[in-house]
Amino acid sequence: MSLEADPGVAATVTSLKKAPVCSAPRTKKQAWQGAVLSRKIEGMAHRQPKPSDADPAAARAEKTCASCGRRIEWRAKWAKNWDSVKYCSAACRSHGVNTTDLQLEATIVTLLQARAHDSTICPSDAARTIGGEDWRDLMEPARRAARRMVARGELQITQGGVVVDPSTAKGAIRLRTPR
């Protein structure tokens, strides 16, 4: 049975079809509220983005931290000196790049050159080569060295054979030469 077959529903449907789509305000209060609302909408036109405005985020160049190799997220406090920003945090600024970091980078290159072109290495291989018994302390510096090398285009970081973003990669990673 259709709903329009019911006489009560049919009368309601017919009255809705005849009702005006946009009706004038019924009271002075409703008229006043409508006028206030339209002024608010018109008054906020200055806040609306204009198509002629360039997106400031698109104008900023993507940067990587000189110390850890992660992507630097833009912050409003850096708006005036974005071109001179080198580090993503105060910790990276204080750490910088030391001789151990440079040794790790050189070791990664040496290990990759010693293997077949399509093979990979683990950052722990570089840490073991330099650190000896204390190689575990060098795991994070080895990952940082790998991320810096990715930023320069010298290396790719993979997980499960798939190239991943070094800024967001979690867990075990492998290093390989770019293909």
Protein backbone atom coordinates (compact mmCIF):
# COMPACT_ATOMS: atom_id res chain seq x y z
CA MET A 1 0.00 0.00 0.00
CA SER A 2 1.45 3.37 -0.94
CA LEU A 3 1.47 6.25 1.48
CA GLU A 4 -0.39 8.53 -0.92
CA ALA A 5 -3.34 6.09 -0.92
CA ASP A 6 -4.00 7.09 2.70
CA PRO A 7 -6.34 10.13 2.60
CA GLY A 8 -4.59 11.91 5.51
CA VAL A 9 -1.14 11.55 3.95
CA ALA A 10 -2.43 12.57 0.51
CA ALA A 11 -3.86 15.82 1.93
CA THR A 12 -0.55 16.60 3.69
CA VAL A 13 1.48 15.92 0.54
CA THR A 14 -0.85 18.14 -1.51
CA SER A 15 -0.58 21.00 1.01
CA LEU A 16 3.22 20.71 1.04
CA LYS A 17 3.33 20.90 -2.73
CA LYS A 18 1.30 24.12 -2.66
CA ALA A 19 3.29 25.72 0.19
CA PRO A 20 5.69 28.47 -0.88
CA VAL A 21 9.36 27.47 -0.84
CA CYS A 22 10.56 30.72 0.68
CA SER A 23 8.11 32.65 2.79
CA ALA A 24 8.46 36.13 4.21
CA PRO A 25 9.04 36.51 7.94
CA ARG A 26 5.83 36.37 9.92
CA THR A 27 6.82 38.61 12.81
CA LYS A 28 8.97 41.69 13.36
CA LYS A 29 11.40 39.58 15.39
CA GLN A 30 11.89 37.11 12.54
CA ALA A 31 12.43 39.98 10.10
CA TRP A 32 15.02 41.55 12.42
CA GLN A 33 16.85 38.22 12.86
CA GLY A 34 16.97 37.73 9.10
CA ALA A 35 18.43 41.20 8.58
CA VAL A 36 21.09 40.65 11.28
CA LEU A 37 22.05 37.31 9.76
CA SER A 38 22.43 38.75 6.27
CA ARG A 39 24.64 41.59 7.64
CA LYS A 40 26.84 39.03 9.44
CA ILE A 41 27.30 37.01 6.28
CA GLU A 42 28.10 40.13 4.23
CA GLY A 43 30.39 41.42 6.99
CA MET A 44 32.47 38.24 6.93
CA ALA A 45 33.26 38.53 3.24
CA HIS A 46 36.74 39.80 4.12
CA ARG A 47 37.46 36.48 5.84
CA GLN A 48 36.62 34.37 2.81
CA PRO A 49 39.63 33.22 0.76
CA LYS A 50 39.78 34.83 -2.63
CA PRO A 51 40.76 32.76 -5.65
CA SER A 52 43.36 35.38 -6.54
CA ASP A 53 45.19 34.83 -3.24
CA ALA A 54 48.06 32.39 -3.59
CA ASP A 55 48.16 29.58 -1.07
CA PRO A 56 51.03 30.50 1.31
CA ALA A 57 51.65 26.83 2.10
CA ALA A 58 52.23 26.08 -1.58
CA ALA A 59 54.70 28.96 -1.84
CA ARG A 60 56.88 27.54 0.96
CA ALA A 61 59.54 25.11 -0.09
CA GLU A 62 59.54 21.73 1.62
CA LYS A 63 62.53 21.42 3.96
CA THR A 64 64.28 18.66 5.80
CA CYS A 65 66.13 18.99 9.08
CA ALA A 66 69.90 19.23 8.69
CA SER A 67 70.37 17.04 11.77
CA CYS A 68 67.71 14.31 11.76
CA GLY A 69 66.62 14.38 8.12
CA ARG A 70 62.90 14.56 8.94
CA ARG A 71 60.53 16.89 7.15
CA ILE A 72 60.30 20.31 8.83
CA GLU A 73 56.71 21.35 9.46
CA TRP A 74 56.10 25.05 8.88
CA ARG A 75 55.22 27.10 11.98
CA ALA A 76 53.77 30.58 12.11
CA LYS A 77 56.64 31.81 14.28
CA TRP A 78 59.01 30.98 11.41
CA ALA A 79 57.05 33.02 8.83
CA LYS A 80 59.56 35.88 8.75
CA ASN A 81 62.70 33.74 8.59
CA TRP A 82 61.53 30.52 6.89
CA ASP A 83 64.45 30.64 4.45
CA SER A 84 67.00 30.50 7.28
CA VAL A 85 65.38 27.61 9.22
CA LYS A 86 67.69 24.54 9.21
CA TYR A 87 66.55 22.43 12.17
CA CYS A 88 63.16 21.05 13.16
CA SER A 89 63.65 21.48 16.92
CA ALA A 90 65.93 22.80 19.61
CA ALA A 91 67.20 19.25 20.25
CA CYS A 92 68.30 18.90 16.61
CA ARG A 93 69.87 22.36 16.71
CA SER A 94 71.92 21.43 19.77
CA HIS A 95 72.90 17.99 18.37
CA GLY A 96 73.79 19.14 14.86
CA VAL A 97 75.87 16.78 12.71
CA ASN A 98 79.02 15.44 14.36
CA THR A 99 81.88 13.26 13.15
CA THR A 100 80.13 10.03 14.16
CA ASP A 101 77.19 11.00 11.95
CA LEU A 102 79.52 11.61 9.02
CA GLN A 103 81.28 8.29 9.66
CA LEU A 104 77.92 6.51 9.62
CA GLU A 105 77.03 8.10 6.28
CA ALA A 106 80.37 7.05 4.79
CA THR A 107 79.95 3.52 6.19
CA ILE A 108 76.46 3.20 4.69
CA VAL A 109 77.84 4.17 1.27
CA THR A 110 80.74 1.72 1.63
CA LEU A 111 78.48 -1.17 2.68
CA LEU A 112 76.08 -0.54 -0.20
CA GLN A 113 78.91 -0.37 -2.72
CA ALA A 114 80.30 -3.68 -1.44
CA ARG A 115 77.00 -5.47 -2.18
CA ALA A 116 75.04 -6.08 -5.34
CA HIS A 117 73.21 -3.09 -6.78
CA ASP A 118 69.76 -4.49 -5.98
CA SER A 119 70.56 -5.57 -2.38
CA THR A 120 69.79 -3.68 0.81
CA ILE A 121 71.42 -3.18 4.19
CA CYS A 122 70.10 -2.56 7.66
CA PRO A 123 71.14 0.58 9.57
CA SER A 124 72.42 -1.77 12.26
CA ASP A 125 75.11 -2.98 9.83
CA ALA A 126 76.61 0.52 9.77
CA ALA A 127 76.21 0.87 13.55
CA ARG A 128 77.98 -2.47 14.15
CA THR A 129 80.84 -1.50 11.84
CA ILE A 130 81.54 1.72 13.73
CA GLY A 131 80.36 0.96 17.27
CA GLY A 132 81.67 -2.53 17.93
CA GLU A 133 80.17 -3.78 21.20
CA ASP A 134 78.24 -0.53 21.82
CA TRP A 135 76.54 -0.55 18.40
CA ARG A 136 73.02 -0.27 19.85
CA ASP A 137 73.77 3.28 21.00
CA LEU A 138 74.42 4.16 17.36
CA MET A 139 71.12 2.85 15.96
CA GLU A 140 69.26 6.17 16.10
CA PRO A 141 72.25 8.10 14.72
CA ALA A 142 72.42 5.53 11.87
CA ARG A 143 68.73 6.08 11.10
CA ARG A 144 69.30 9.84 11.21
CA ALA A 145 72.22 9.49 8.79
CA ALA A 146 70.04 7.44 6.44
CA ARG A 147 67.25 10.07 6.53
CA ARG A 148 69.75 12.82 5.70
CA MET A 149 71.01 10.78 2.76
CA VAL A 150 67.45 10.26 1.54
CA ALA A 151 66.91 14.03 1.65
CA ARG A 152 69.96 14.46 -0.58
CA GLY A 153 68.73 11.74 -2.96
CA GLU A 154 71.61 9.34 -2.25
CA LEU A 155 69.53 6.59 -0.65
CA GLN A 156 66.06 5.04 -0.39
CA ILE A 157 64.46 3.67 2.76
CA THR A 158 62.23 0.62 2.36
CA GLN A 159 59.91 -1.46 4.48
CA GLY A 160 58.81 -4.77 3.05
CA GLY A 161 60.50 -3.90 -0.26
CA VAL A 162 58.43 -0.73 -0.70
CA VAL A 163 59.96 2.75 -0.56
CA VAL A 164 58.58 4.69 2.44
CA ASP A 165 58.67 8.28 3.65
CA PRO A 166 61.60 8.50 6.09
CA SER A 167 59.83 11.11 8.23
CA THR A 168 56.95 8.79 9.06
CA ALA A 169 58.51 5.30 8.85
CA LYS A 170 58.17 3.28 12.04
CA GLY A 171 59.80 -0.05 12.78
CA ALA A 172 62.46 -1.98 10.91
CA ILE A 173 63.82 -0.31 7.78
CA ARG A 174 66.23 -1.30 5.01
CA LEU A 175 68.53 0.97 3.01
CA ARG A 176 69.23 0.74 -0.71
CA THR A 177 70.67 2.81 -3.51
CA PRO A 178 68.10 4.76 -5.57
CA ARG A 179 66.58 2.86 -8.49
